[in-house]
Amino acid sequence: MSKVEEFEELRPLLFSIAYRMLGSVSEAEDAVQETWLRFDGSATRPTSVKAFLSATVTRVSIDVLRSARVRREEYVGPWFPEPLLTDPYQDPARSAELADSVSMAALLLLERLSPLERSVFVLREVFGFGFDEVAAAVGRSEAACRQLQVRARRHMRAGQPRFEADRQEREELATRFFDALREGDVDGLRDLLAADVSMVGDGGGKAPQLARAVTGAESVARLLASVFPHMARVDVTFEPHEVNGRPGAVFRDRDGKVLHILALEVLDGRVHTIRSVINPDKLGHLGPVADAWAVDREVKRARRQAN
């Protein structure tokens, strides 16, 4: 195969590594492009193209992570990963690891790790690289990488949920949730929410968002039931869609532009966390983005007229 063909065959893997490292579709795509430039500019042919490219995209991602720390510390409001509707990389032998590691909850846990811990965890725990390959990628000894793995595992396990529903249970619960949301059914929503449910939005200061997290089944159910029927009156629609491997929905304005993404986290048979991503900078990879401020003004007018 030519260099281009070899690279394109591995592109899905490289993107998936970078996305789990960075939590950003746009930054992951940039990291993959930089990896190609380095590969194309290399005069020598690596023994293993897969190992070389995986190591390169990891190193590029580490550099991006280190420079992004300050930006994320200064971020306005809660920071969530850019939503991913479809993971391009599939490996039947590691389907569970791939699915678990791409969820919003897992990516937020990965944010707590140092760049090196995150790299080792992603390469070893998610993609199953050998310690020799991991060590070469991060520039540390195998012994050091084993220690990094132990620390990363400990941090990840400490933040893992008590009992996560299986795929079928998540999908059934999500169907009922979005049916109740469409109807503005307070009781129906309340019955599907955990007692300590929280609803949090990521607008990054660039779109209307919740001033703070809303918690408790009663409060969240009433907020959802009061807002979404008014959104429907101004022709906002939504389509249930898997978001980061978990139930969710894509909301659109009357012109079909992406307004925001809703992602559900299901634990113990109930919706435990509802995350909304409305920051336009995080939605551009999904298509044309709606003017969330304009839609918000329309919704407020619709609510006043209804009252």
C-alpha atoms as a PDB file:
ATOM      1  CA  MET A   1       0.000   0.000   0.000  1.00  0.00           C
ATOM      2  CA  SER A   2       1.012   3.613  -0.492  1.00  0.00           C
ATOM      3  CA  LYS A   3       1.615   5.892   2.485  1.00  0.00           C
ATOM      4  CA  VAL A   4      -1.755   7.506   1.943  1.00  0.00           C
ATOM      5  CA  GLU A   5      -3.556   4.158   1.872  1.00  0.00           C
ATOM      6  CA  GLU A   6      -1.789   2.949   5.017  1.00  0.00           C
ATOM      7  CA  PHE A   7      -2.663   6.148   6.829  1.00  0.00           C
ATOM      8  CA  GLU A   8      -6.297   6.184   5.748  1.00  0.00           C
ATOM      9  CA  GLU A   9      -6.716   2.592   6.893  1.00  0.00           C
ATOM     10  CA  LEU A  10      -5.552   3.622  10.378  1.00  0.00           C
ATOM     11  CA  ARG A  11      -7.297   7.021  10.483  1.00  0.00           C
ATOM     12  CA  PRO A  12     -10.324   5.753  12.503  1.00  0.00           C
ATOM     13  CA  LEU A  13      -7.996   4.310  15.169  1.00  0.00           C
ATOM     14  CA  LEU A  14      -5.923   7.490  15.320  1.00  0.00           C
ATOM     15  CA  PHE A  15      -9.000   9.683  15.661  1.00  0.00           C
ATOM     16  CA  SER A  16     -10.395   7.477  18.416  1.00  0.00           C
ATOM     17  CA  ILE A  17      -7.150   7.657  20.381  1.00  0.00           C
ATOM     18  CA  ALA A  18      -6.947  11.431  19.985  1.00  0.00           C
ATOM     19  CA  TYR A  19     -10.611  11.998  20.872  1.00  0.00           C
ATOM     20  CA  ARG A  20     -10.282  10.026  24.110  1.00  0.00           C
ATOM     21  CA  MET A  21      -7.147  11.993  24.876  1.00  0.00           C
ATOM     22  CA  LEU A  22      -8.629  15.393  24.144  1.00  0.00           C
ATOM     23  CA  GLY A  23     -12.418  15.195  24.452  1.00  0.00           C
ATOM     24  CA  SER A  24     -12.673  17.381  21.374  1.00  0.00           C
ATOM     25  CA  VAL A  25     -13.626  16.357  17.848  1.00  0.00           C
ATOM     26  CA  SER A  26     -11.965  19.363  16.237  1.00  0.00           C
ATOM     27  CA  GLU A  27      -8.744  19.004  18.241  1.00  0.00           C
ATOM     28  CA  ALA A  28      -8.667  15.256  17.555  1.00  0.00           C
ATOM     29  CA  GLU A  29      -9.023  15.884  13.818  1.00  0.00           C
ATOM     30  CA  ASP A  30      -6.197  18.438  13.987  1.00  0.00           C
ATOM     31  CA  ALA A  31      -4.015  15.933  15.882  1.00  0.00           C
ATOM     32  CA  VAL A  32      -4.656  13.311  13.205  1.00  0.00           C
ATOM     33  CA  GLN A  33      -3.773  15.793  10.475  1.00  0.00           C
ATOM     34  CA  GLU A  34      -0.524  16.712  12.258  1.00  0.00           C
ATOM     35  CA  THR A  35       0.246  12.991  12.556  1.00  0.00           C
ATOM     36  CA  TRP A  36      -0.151  12.621   8.801  1.00  0.00           C
ATOM     37  CA  LEU A  37       2.205  15.539   8.148  1.00  0.00           C
ATOM     38  CA  ARG A  38       4.877  13.966  10.356  1.00  0.00           C
ATOM     39  CA  PHE A  39       4.376  10.554   8.743  1.00  0.00           C
ATOM     40  CA  ASP A  40       4.465  11.972   5.231  1.00  0.00           C
ATOM     41  CA  GLY A  41       7.606  13.973   6.032  1.00  0.00           C
ATOM     42  CA  SER A  42       9.463  11.021   7.534  1.00  0.00           C
ATOM     43  CA  ALA A  43      12.315   9.771   5.346  1.00  0.00           C
ATOM     44  CA  THR A  44      12.483   6.351   6.989  1.00  0.00           C
ATOM     45  CA  ARG A  45       9.793   3.692   6.975  1.00  0.00           C
ATOM     46  CA  PRO A  46       8.809   2.490  10.467  1.00  0.00           C
ATOM     47  CA  THR A  47       8.864  -1.212  11.274  1.00  0.00           C
ATOM     48  CA  SER A  48       5.233  -0.965  12.392  1.00  0.00           C
ATOM     49  CA  VAL A  49       3.206   1.805  10.794  1.00  0.00           C
ATOM     50  CA  LYS A  50       0.406   1.299  13.332  1.00  0.00           C
ATOM     51  CA  ALA A  51       2.761   1.649  16.289  1.00  0.00           C
ATOM     52  CA  PHE A  52       4.474   4.678  14.754  1.00  0.00           C
ATOM     53  CA  LEU A  53       1.236   6.521  13.963  1.00  0.00           C
ATOM     54  CA  SER A  54      -0.369   5.647  17.311  1.00  0.00           C
ATOM     55  CA  ALA A  55       2.690   6.916  19.168  1.00  0.00           C
ATOM     56  CA  THR A  56       2.794  10.086  17.077  1.00  0.00           C
ATOM     57  CA  VAL A  57      -0.875  10.965  17.571  1.00  0.00           C
ATOM     58  CA  THR A  58      -0.457  10.305  21.299  1.00  0.00           C
ATOM     59  CA  ARG A  59       2.519  12.662  21.566  1.00  0.00           C
ATOM     60  CA  VAL A  60       0.700  15.341  19.581  1.00  0.00           C
ATOM     61  CA  SER A  61      -2.330  14.947  21.867  1.00  0.00           C
ATOM     62  CA  ILE A  62      -0.169  15.232  24.996  1.00  0.00           C
ATOM     63  CA  ASP A  63       1.199  18.547  23.711  1.00  0.00           C
ATOM     64  CA  VAL A  64      -2.337  19.783  23.004  1.00  0.00           C
ATOM     65  CA  LEU A  65      -3.533  18.693  26.448  1.00  0.00           C
ATOM     66  CA  ARG A  66      -0.752  20.566  28.199  1.00  0.00           C
ATOM     67  CA  SER A  67      -1.511  23.776  26.301  1.00  0.00           C
ATOM     68  CA  ALA A  68      -5.260  23.349  26.834  1.00  0.00           C
ATOM     69  CA  ARG A  69      -5.061  23.166  30.641  1.00  0.00           C
ATOM     70  CA  VAL A  70      -5.083  26.932  31.075  1.00  0.00           C
ATOM     71  CA  ARG A  71      -7.942  27.402  28.584  1.00  0.00           C
ATOM     72  CA  ARG A  72     -10.077  24.839  30.381  1.00  0.00           C
ATOM     73  CA  GLU A  73      -9.340  26.352  33.771  1.00  0.00           C
ATOM     74  CA  GLU A  74     -10.606  29.704  32.446  1.00  0.00           C
ATOM     75  CA  TYR A  75     -13.660  28.162  30.737  1.00  0.00           C
ATOM     76  CA  VAL A  76     -16.975  29.832  31.604  1.00  0.00           C
ATOM     77  CA  GLY A  77     -19.207  27.356  33.454  1.00  0.00           C
ATOM     78  CA  PRO A  78     -19.057  23.554  33.290  1.00  0.00           C
ATOM     79  CA  TRP A  79     -16.833  22.039  30.604  1.00  0.00           C
ATOM     80  CA  PHE A  80     -18.082  18.972  28.696  1.00  0.00           C
ATOM     81  CA  PRO A  81     -16.465  17.068  25.823  1.00  0.00           C
ATOM     82  CA  GLU A  82     -17.548  17.850  22.287  1.00  0.00           C
ATOM     83  CA  PRO A  83     -20.375  15.401  21.558  1.00  0.00           C
ATOM     84  CA  LEU A  84     -19.514  12.442  19.361  1.00  0.00           C
ATOM     85  CA  LEU A  85     -22.443  10.824  17.572  1.00  0.00           C
ATOM     86  CA  THR A  86     -20.521   7.977  15.928  1.00  0.00           C
ATOM     87  CA  ASP A  87     -17.166   6.501  16.895  1.00  0.00           C
ATOM     88  CA  PRO A  88     -15.376   5.710  13.604  1.00  0.00           C
ATOM     89  CA  TYR A  89     -13.232   2.948  15.113  1.00  0.00           C
ATOM     90  CA  GLN A  90     -14.688  -0.475  15.855  1.00  0.00           C
ATOM     91  CA  ASP A  91     -12.924  -3.530  17.271  1.00  0.00           C
ATOM     92  CA  PRO A  92     -15.206  -6.435  18.260  1.00  0.00           C
ATOM     93  CA  ALA A  93     -12.526  -7.796  20.596  1.00  0.00           C
ATOM     94  CA  ARG A  94     -12.533  -4.555  22.623  1.00  0.00           C
ATOM     95  CA  SER A  95     -16.106  -3.347  22.125  1.00  0.00           C
ATOM     96  CA  ALA A  96     -16.795  -2.979  25.871  1.00  0.00           C
ATOM     97  CA  GLU A  97     -13.640  -0.949  26.514  1.00  0.00           C
ATOM     98  CA  LEU A  98     -14.305   1.276  23.507  1.00  0.00           C
ATOM     99  CA  ALA A  99     -17.934   1.928  24.464  1.00  0.00           C
ATOM    100  CA  ASP A 100     -17.215   2.613  28.134  1.00  0.00           C
ATOM    101  CA  SER A 101     -14.298   4.942  27.441  1.00  0.00           C
ATOM    102  CA  VAL A 102     -16.149   7.247  25.045  1.00  0.00           C
ATOM    103  CA  SER A 103     -19.075   8.143  27.328  1.00  0.00           C
ATOM    104  CA  MET A 104     -19.320  11.695  28.661  1.00  0.00           C
ATOM    105  CA  ALA A 105     -18.884  10.398  32.216  1.00  0.00           C
ATOM    106  CA  ALA A 106     -15.690   8.504  31.317  1.00  0.00           C
ATOM    107  CA  LEU A 107     -14.208  11.439  29.400  1.00  0.00           C
ATOM    108  CA  LEU A 108     -14.855  13.732  32.359  1.00  0.00           C
ATOM    109  CA  LEU A 109     -13.048  11.250  34.601  1.00  0.00           C
ATOM    110  CA  LEU A 110     -10.145  11.166  32.146  1.00  0.00           C
ATOM    111  CA  GLU A 111      -9.926  14.953  32.504  1.00  0.00           C
ATOM    112  CA  ARG A 112      -8.792  14.427  36.106  1.00  0.00           C
ATOM    113  CA  LEU A 113      -5.708  12.495  35.025  1.00  0.00           C
ATOM    114  CA  SER A 114      -2.357  13.986  34.109  1.00  0.00           C
ATOM    115  CA  PRO A 115      -1.562  13.923  30.375  1.00  0.00           C
ATOM    116  CA  LEU A 116       0.816  10.968  30.869  1.00  0.00           C
ATOM    117  CA  GLU A 117      -1.662   9.010  33.010  1.00  0.00           C
ATOM    118  CA  ARG A 118      -4.357   9.648  30.453  1.00  0.00           C
ATOM    119  CA  SER A 119      -2.120   8.496  27.597  1.00  0.00           C
ATOM    120  CA  VAL A 120      -1.149   5.273  29.332  1.00  0.00           C
ATOM    121  CA  PHE A 121      -4.734   4.528  30.328  1.00  0.00           C
ATOM    122  CA  VAL A 122      -6.102   5.148  26.837  1.00  0.00           C
ATOM    123  CA  LEU A 123      -3.433   3.165  25.010  1.00  0.00           C
ATOM    124  CA  ARG A 124      -3.257   0.254  27.449  1.00  0.00           C
ATOM    125  CA  GLU A 125      -6.738  -0.066  28.982  1.00  0.00           C
ATOM    126  CA  VAL A 126      -8.856   1.010  26.035  1.00  0.00           C
ATOM    127  CA  PHE A 127      -6.892  -0.051  22.960  1.00  0.00           C
ATOM    128  CA  GLY A 128      -4.828  -2.887  24.442  1.00  0.00           C
ATOM    129  CA  PHE A 129      -1.353  -1.756  23.354  1.00  0.00           C
ATOM    130  CA  GLY A 130       1.573  -3.607  24.896  1.00  0.00           C
ATOM    131  CA  PHE A 131       3.647  -1.848  27.551  1.00  0.00           C
ATOM    132  CA  ASP A 132       6.599  -1.700  25.165  1.00  0.00           C
ATOM    133  CA  GLU A 133       4.455   0.248  22.674  1.00  0.00           C
ATOM    134  CA  VAL A 134       2.994   2.470  25.399  1.00  0.00           C
ATOM    135  CA  ALA A 135       6.456   3.233  26.759  1.00  0.00           C
ATOM    136  CA  ALA A 136       7.719   4.174  23.291  1.00  0.00           C
ATOM    137  CA  ALA A 137       4.700   6.424  22.731  1.00  0.00           C
ATOM    138  CA  VAL A 138       4.991   8.429  25.969  1.00  0.00           C
ATOM    139  CA  GLY A 139       8.770   8.383  26.290  1.00  0.00           C
ATOM    140  CA  ARG A 140       8.909   6.608  29.645  1.00  0.00           C
ATOM    141  CA  SER A 141      10.190   3.224  30.788  1.00  0.00           C
ATOM    142  CA  GLU A 142       7.869   0.235  30.917  1.00  0.00           C
ATOM    143  CA  ALA A 143       8.145   0.229  34.713  1.00  0.00           C
ATOM    144  CA  ALA A 144       7.141   3.882  34.868  1.00  0.00           C
ATOM    145  CA  CYS A 145       4.192   3.188  32.539  1.00  0.00           C
ATOM    146  CA  ARG A 146       2.993   0.390  34.810  1.00  0.00           C
ATOM    147  CA  GLN A 147       2.987   2.824  37.717  1.00  0.00           C
ATOM    148  CA  LEU A 148       1.120   5.394  35.635  1.00  0.00           C
ATOM    149  CA  GLN A 149      -1.421   2.728  34.743  1.00  0.00           C
ATOM    150  CA  VAL A 150      -1.952   1.834  38.420  1.00  0.00           C
ATOM    151  CA  ARG A 151      -2.553   5.485  39.344  1.00  0.00           C
ATOM    152  CA  ALA A 152      -4.849   6.070  36.375  1.00  0.00           C
ATOM    153  CA  ARG A 153      -6.888   2.947  37.142  1.00  0.00           C
ATOM    154  CA  ARG A 154      -7.271   4.013  40.769  1.00  0.00           C
ATOM    155  CA  HIS A 155      -8.558   7.458  39.802  1.00  0.00           C
ATOM    156  CA  MET A 156     -10.942   6.043  37.205  1.00  0.00           C
ATOM    157  CA  ARG A 157     -12.359   3.367  39.493  1.00  0.00           C
ATOM    158  CA  ALA A 158     -12.904   5.855  42.305  1.00  0.00           C
ATOM    159  CA  GLY A 159     -15.179   7.869  40.042  1.00  0.00           C
ATOM    160  CA  GLN A 160     -17.023   5.011  38.356  1.00  0.00           C
ATOM    161  CA  PRO A 161     -20.799   4.683  38.882  1.00  0.00           C
ATOM    162  CA  ARG A 162     -22.217   2.104  41.270  1.00  0.00           C
ATOM    163  CA  PHE A 163     -24.323   0.286  38.670  1.00  0.00           C
ATOM    164  CA  GLU A 164     -24.661   1.263  35.030  1.00  0.00           C
ATOM    165  CA  ALA A 165     -27.578  -0.074  33.012  1.00  0.00           C
ATOM    166  CA  ASP A 166     -26.991  -2.339  30.021  1.00  0.00           C
ATOM    167  CA  ARG A 167     -27.573  -1.036  26.511  1.00  0.00           C
ATOM    168  CA  GLN A 168     -31.122  -2.370  26.135  1.00  0.00           C
ATOM    169  CA  GLU A 169     -32.229  -0.945  29.474  1.00  0.00           C
ATOM    170  CA  ARG A 170     -30.684   2.431  28.617  1.00  0.00           C
ATOM    171  CA  GLU A 171     -32.461   2.548  25.260  1.00  0.00           C
ATOM    172  CA  GLU A 172     -35.849   1.576  26.702  1.00  0.00           C
ATOM    173  CA  LEU A 173     -35.562   4.169  29.459  1.00  0.00           C
ATOM    174  CA  ALA A 174     -34.458   6.825  26.978  1.00  0.00           C
ATOM    175  CA  THR A 175     -37.448   6.133  24.722  1.00  0.00           C
ATOM    176  CA  ARG A 176     -39.824   6.662  27.639  1.00  0.00           C
ATOM    177  CA  PHE A 177     -37.896   9.767  28.726  1.00  0.00           C
ATOM    178  CA  PHE A 178     -38.081  11.467  25.337  1.00  0.00           C
ATOM    179  CA  ASP A 179     -41.750  10.511  24.925  1.00  0.00           C
ATOM    180  CA  ALA A 180     -42.504  12.180  28.273  1.00  0.00           C
ATOM    181  CA  LEU A 181     -40.354  15.179  27.307  1.00  0.00           C
ATOM    182  CA  ARG A 182     -42.232  15.610  24.029  1.00  0.00           C
ATOM    183  CA  GLU A 183     -45.556  15.556  25.913  1.00  0.00           C
ATOM    184  CA  GLY A 184     -44.366  17.824  28.736  1.00  0.00           C
ATOM    185  CA  ASP A 185     -45.411  15.058  31.151  1.00  0.00           C
ATOM    186  CA  VAL A 186     -44.111  16.051  34.598  1.00  0.00           C
ATOM    187  CA  ASP A 187     -45.212  12.846  36.305  1.00  0.00           C
ATOM    188  CA  GLY A 188     -43.838  10.677  33.515  1.00  0.00           C
ATOM    189  CA  LEU A 189     -40.484  12.428  33.666  1.00  0.00           C
ATOM    190  CA  ARG A 190     -40.322  12.328  37.466  1.00  0.00           C
ATOM    191  CA  ASP A 191     -40.838   8.566  37.457  1.00  0.00           C
ATOM    192  CA  LEU A 192     -37.790   8.103  35.220  1.00  0.00           C
ATOM    193  CA  LEU A 193     -35.399  10.346  37.152  1.00  0.00           C
ATOM    194  CA  ALA A 194     -33.147   9.369  40.041  1.00  0.00           C
ATOM    195  CA  ALA A 195     -33.954  11.156  43.295  1.00  0.00           C
ATOM    196  CA  ASP A 196     -30.587  12.954  43.133  1.00  0.00           C
ATOM    197  CA  VAL A 197     -30.636  13.583  39.364  1.00  0.00           C
ATOM    198  CA  SER A 198     -28.720  16.630  38.145  1.00  0.00           C
ATOM    199  CA  MET A 199     -29.125  18.633  34.954  1.00  0.00           C
ATOM    200  CA  VAL A 200     -26.101  20.641  33.829  1.00  0.00           C
ATOM    201  CA  GLY A 201     -25.430  22.760  30.748  1.00  0.00           C
ATOM    202  CA  ASP A 202     -22.267  23.694  28.860  1.00  0.00           C
ATOM    203  CA  GLY A 203     -22.658  26.986  27.022  1.00  0.00           C
ATOM    204  CA  GLY A 204     -19.145  28.289  27.546  1.00  0.00           C
ATOM    205  CA  GLY A 205     -20.538  31.799  27.912  1.00  0.00           C
ATOM    206  CA  LYS A 206     -21.433  31.737  24.212  1.00  0.00           C
ATOM    207  CA  ALA A 207     -25.053  30.567  24.452  1.00  0.00           C
ATOM    208  CA  PRO A 208     -27.900  30.665  26.981  1.00  0.00           C
ATOM    209  CA  GLN A 209     -27.359  28.063  29.671  1.00  0.00           C
ATOM    210  CA  LEU A 210     -28.504  27.134  33.142  1.00  0.00           C
ATOM    211  CA  ALA A 211     -27.108  29.522  35.738  1.00  0.00           C
ATOM    212  CA  ARG A 212     -26.297  26.504  37.883  1.00  0.00           C
ATOM    213  CA  ALA A 213     -26.986  22.789  37.986  1.00  0.00           C
ATOM    214  CA  VAL A 214     -30.596  21.841  38.699  1.00  0.00           C
ATOM    215  CA  THR A 215     -30.853  18.897  41.073  1.00  0.00           C
ATOM    216  CA  GLY A 216     -33.601  16.614  42.358  1.00  0.00           C
ATOM    217  CA  ALA A 217     -36.262  14.699  40.438  1.00  0.00           C
ATOM    218  CA  GLU A 218     -39.062  17.185  41.130  1.00  0.00           C
ATOM    219  CA  SER A 219     -37.092  20.275  40.093  1.00  0.00           C
ATOM    220  CA  VAL A 220     -35.614  18.693  36.964  1.00  0.00           C
ATOM    221  CA  ALA A 221     -38.939  17.191  35.847  1.00  0.00           C
ATOM    222  CA  ARG A 222     -40.744  20.531  36.243  1.00  0.00           C
ATOM    223  CA  LEU A 223     -37.986  22.416  34.407  1.00  0.00           C
ATOM    224  CA  LEU A 224     -37.999  19.990  31.477  1.00  0.00           C
ATOM    225  CA  ALA A 225     -41.789  19.871  31.252  1.00  0.00           C
ATOM    226  CA  SER A 226     -42.052  23.667  31.348  1.00  0.00           C
ATOM    227  CA  VAL A 227     -39.351  24.459  28.785  1.00  0.00           C
ATOM    228  CA  PHE A 228     -39.579  21.941  25.967  1.00  0.00           C
ATOM    229  CA  PRO A 229     -43.264  22.366  25.033  1.00  0.00           C
ATOM    230  CA  HIS A 230     -42.535  26.082  24.520  1.00  0.00           C
ATOM    231  CA  MET A 231     -39.541  25.167  22.374  1.00  0.00           C
ATOM    232  CA  ALA A 232     -41.846  23.053  20.233  1.00  0.00           C
ATOM    233  CA  ARG A 233     -44.101  26.102  19.742  1.00  0.00           C
ATOM    234  CA  VAL A 234     -41.232  27.903  18.015  1.00  0.00           C
ATOM    235  CA  ASP A 235     -40.597  24.836  15.826  1.00  0.00           C
ATOM    236  CA  VAL A 236     -37.649  23.392  17.739  1.00  0.00           C
ATOM    237  CA  THR A 237     -37.530  19.649  17.102  1.00  0.00           C
ATOM    238  CA  PHE A 238     -35.393  16.857  18.444  1.00  0.00           C
ATOM    239  CA  GLU A 239     -34.368  13.438  17.257  1.00  0.00           C
ATOM    240  CA  PRO A 240     -33.182  10.785  19.719  1.00  0.00           C
ATOM    241  CA  HIS A 241     -29.624   9.806  18.854  1.00  0.00           C
ATOM    242  CA  GLU A 242     -26.799   8.023  20.596  1.00  0.00           C
ATOM    243  CA  VAL A 243     -24.356  10.570  22.023  1.00  0.00           C
ATOM    244  CA  ASN A 244     -20.939   9.299  23.073  1.00  0.00           C
ATOM    245  CA  GLY A 245     -22.270   5.760  23.151  1.00  0.00           C
ATOM    246  CA  ARG A 246     -25.160   6.637  25.482  1.00  0.00           C
ATOM    247  CA  PRO A 247     -28.784   7.763  24.930  1.00  0.00           C
ATOM    248  CA  GLY A 248     -29.249  11.334  23.863  1.00  0.00           C
ATOM    249  CA  ALA A 249     -30.863  13.646  21.338  1.00  0.00           C
ATOM    250  CA  VAL A 250     -30.003  16.304  18.781  1.00  0.00           C
ATOM    251  CA  PHE A 251     -32.154  19.447  18.986  1.00  0.00           C
ATOM    252  CA  ARG A 252     -32.654  21.612  15.894  1.00  0.00           C
ATOM    253  CA  ASP A 253     -34.257  24.949  15.101  1.00  0.00           C
ATOM    254  CA  ARG A 254     -36.939  25.400  12.440  1.00  0.00           C
ATOM    255  CA  ASP A 255     -34.276  25.558   9.724  1.00  0.00           C
ATOM    256  CA  GLY A 256     -32.769  22.238  10.759  1.00  0.00           C
ATOM    257  CA  LYS A 257     -29.668  23.816  12.299  1.00  0.00           C
ATOM    258  CA  VAL A 258     -28.156  22.177  15.383  1.00  0.00           C
ATOM    259  CA  LEU A 259     -29.285  23.961  18.556  1.00  0.00           C
ATOM    260  CA  HIS A 260     -27.896  21.709  21.260  1.00  0.00           C
ATOM    261  CA  ILE A 261     -27.209  18.141  22.297  1.00  0.00           C
ATOM    262  CA  LEU A 262     -28.764  16.377  25.262  1.00  0.00           C
ATOM    263  CA  ALA A 263     -26.943  13.355  26.736  1.00  0.00           C
ATOM    264  CA  LEU A 264     -28.374  11.028  29.384  1.00  0.00           C
ATOM    265  CA  GLU A 265     -26.487   9.003  31.969  1.00  0.00           C
ATOM    266  CA  VAL A 266     -28.516   6.048  33.235  1.00  0.00           C
ATOM    267  CA  LEU A 267     -27.655   4.424  36.576  1.00  0.00           C
ATOM    268  CA  ASP A 268     -29.605   2.009  38.754  1.00  0.00           C
ATOM    269  CA  GLY A 269     -32.519   2.020  36.310  1.00  0.00           C
ATOM    270  CA  ARG A 270     -33.021   5.801  36.389  1.00  0.00           C
ATOM    271  CA  VAL A 271     -31.719   8.877  34.582  1.00  0.00           C
ATOM    272  CA  HIS A 272     -29.001  10.093  36.913  1.00  0.00           C
ATOM    273  CA  THR A 273     -27.413  12.947  34.933  1.00  0.00           C
ATOM    274  CA  ILE A 274     -28.644  15.081  32.036  1.00  0.00           C
ATOM    275  CA  ARG A 275     -25.953  17.020  30.196  1.00  0.00           C
ATOM    276  CA  SER A 276     -26.684  19.689  27.629  1.00  0.00           C
ATOM    277  CA  VAL A 277     -24.040  20.961  25.221  1.00  0.00           C
ATOM    278  CA  ILE A 278     -25.117  24.247  23.641  1.00  0.00           C
ATOM    279  CA  ASN A 279     -21.759  25.997  23.146  1.00  0.00           C
ATOM    280  CA  PRO A 280     -21.750  26.628  19.356  1.00  0.00           C
ATOM    281  CA  ASP A 281     -17.988  26.029  19.205  1.00  0.00           C
ATOM    282  CA  LYS A 282     -18.623  22.402  20.202  1.00  0.00           C
ATOM    283  CA  LEU A 283     -21.377  21.710  17.680  1.00  0.00           C
ATOM    284  CA  GLY A 284     -19.926  22.818  14.347  1.00  0.00           C
ATOM    285  CA  HIS A 285     -18.766  19.318  13.384  1.00  0.00           C
ATOM    286  CA  LEU A 286     -22.426  18.212  13.423  1.00  0.00           C
ATOM    287  CA  GLY A 287     -23.531  20.678  10.753  1.00  0.00           C
ATOM    288  CA  PRO A 288     -24.774  24.296  10.561  1.00  0.00           C
ATOM    289  CA  VAL A 289     -25.323  25.683  14.076  1.00  0.00           C
ATOM    290  CA  ALA A 290     -28.432  27.582  15.161  1.00  0.00           C
ATOM    291  CA  ASP A 291     -28.462  31.007  16.810  1.00  0.00           C
ATOM    292  CA  ALA A 292     -29.250  29.845  20.351  1.00  0.00           C
ATOM    293  CA  TRP A 293     -29.768  33.392  21.625  1.00  0.00           C
ATOM    294  CA  ALA A 294     -32.431  34.073  18.973  1.00  0.00           C
ATOM    295  CA  VAL A 295     -34.208  30.794  19.763  1.00  0.00           C
ATOM    296  CA  ASP A 296     -34.071  31.637  23.477  1.00  0.00           C
ATOM    297  CA  ARG A 297     -35.771  34.984  22.823  1.00  0.00           C
ATOM    298  CA  GLU A 298     -38.498  33.261  20.801  1.00  0.00           C
ATOM    299  CA  VAL A 299     -39.087  30.697  23.547  1.00  0.00           C
ATOM    300  CA  LYS A 300     -39.407  33.430  26.187  1.00  0.00           C
ATOM    301  CA  ARG A 301     -41.954  35.251  24.019  1.00  0.00           C
ATOM    302  CA  ALA A 302     -43.912  32.024  23.565  1.00  0.00           C
ATOM    303  CA  ARG A 303     -43.968  31.480  27.337  1.00  0.00           C
ATOM    304  CA  ARG A 304     -45.235  35.020  27.979  1.00  0.00           C
ATOM    305  CA  GLN A 305     -47.978  34.626  25.397  1.00  0.00           C
ATOM    306  CA  ALA A 306     -49.009  31.288  26.880  1.00  0.00           C
ATOM    307  CA  ASN A 307     -49.319  32.858  30.321  1.00  0.00           C
END
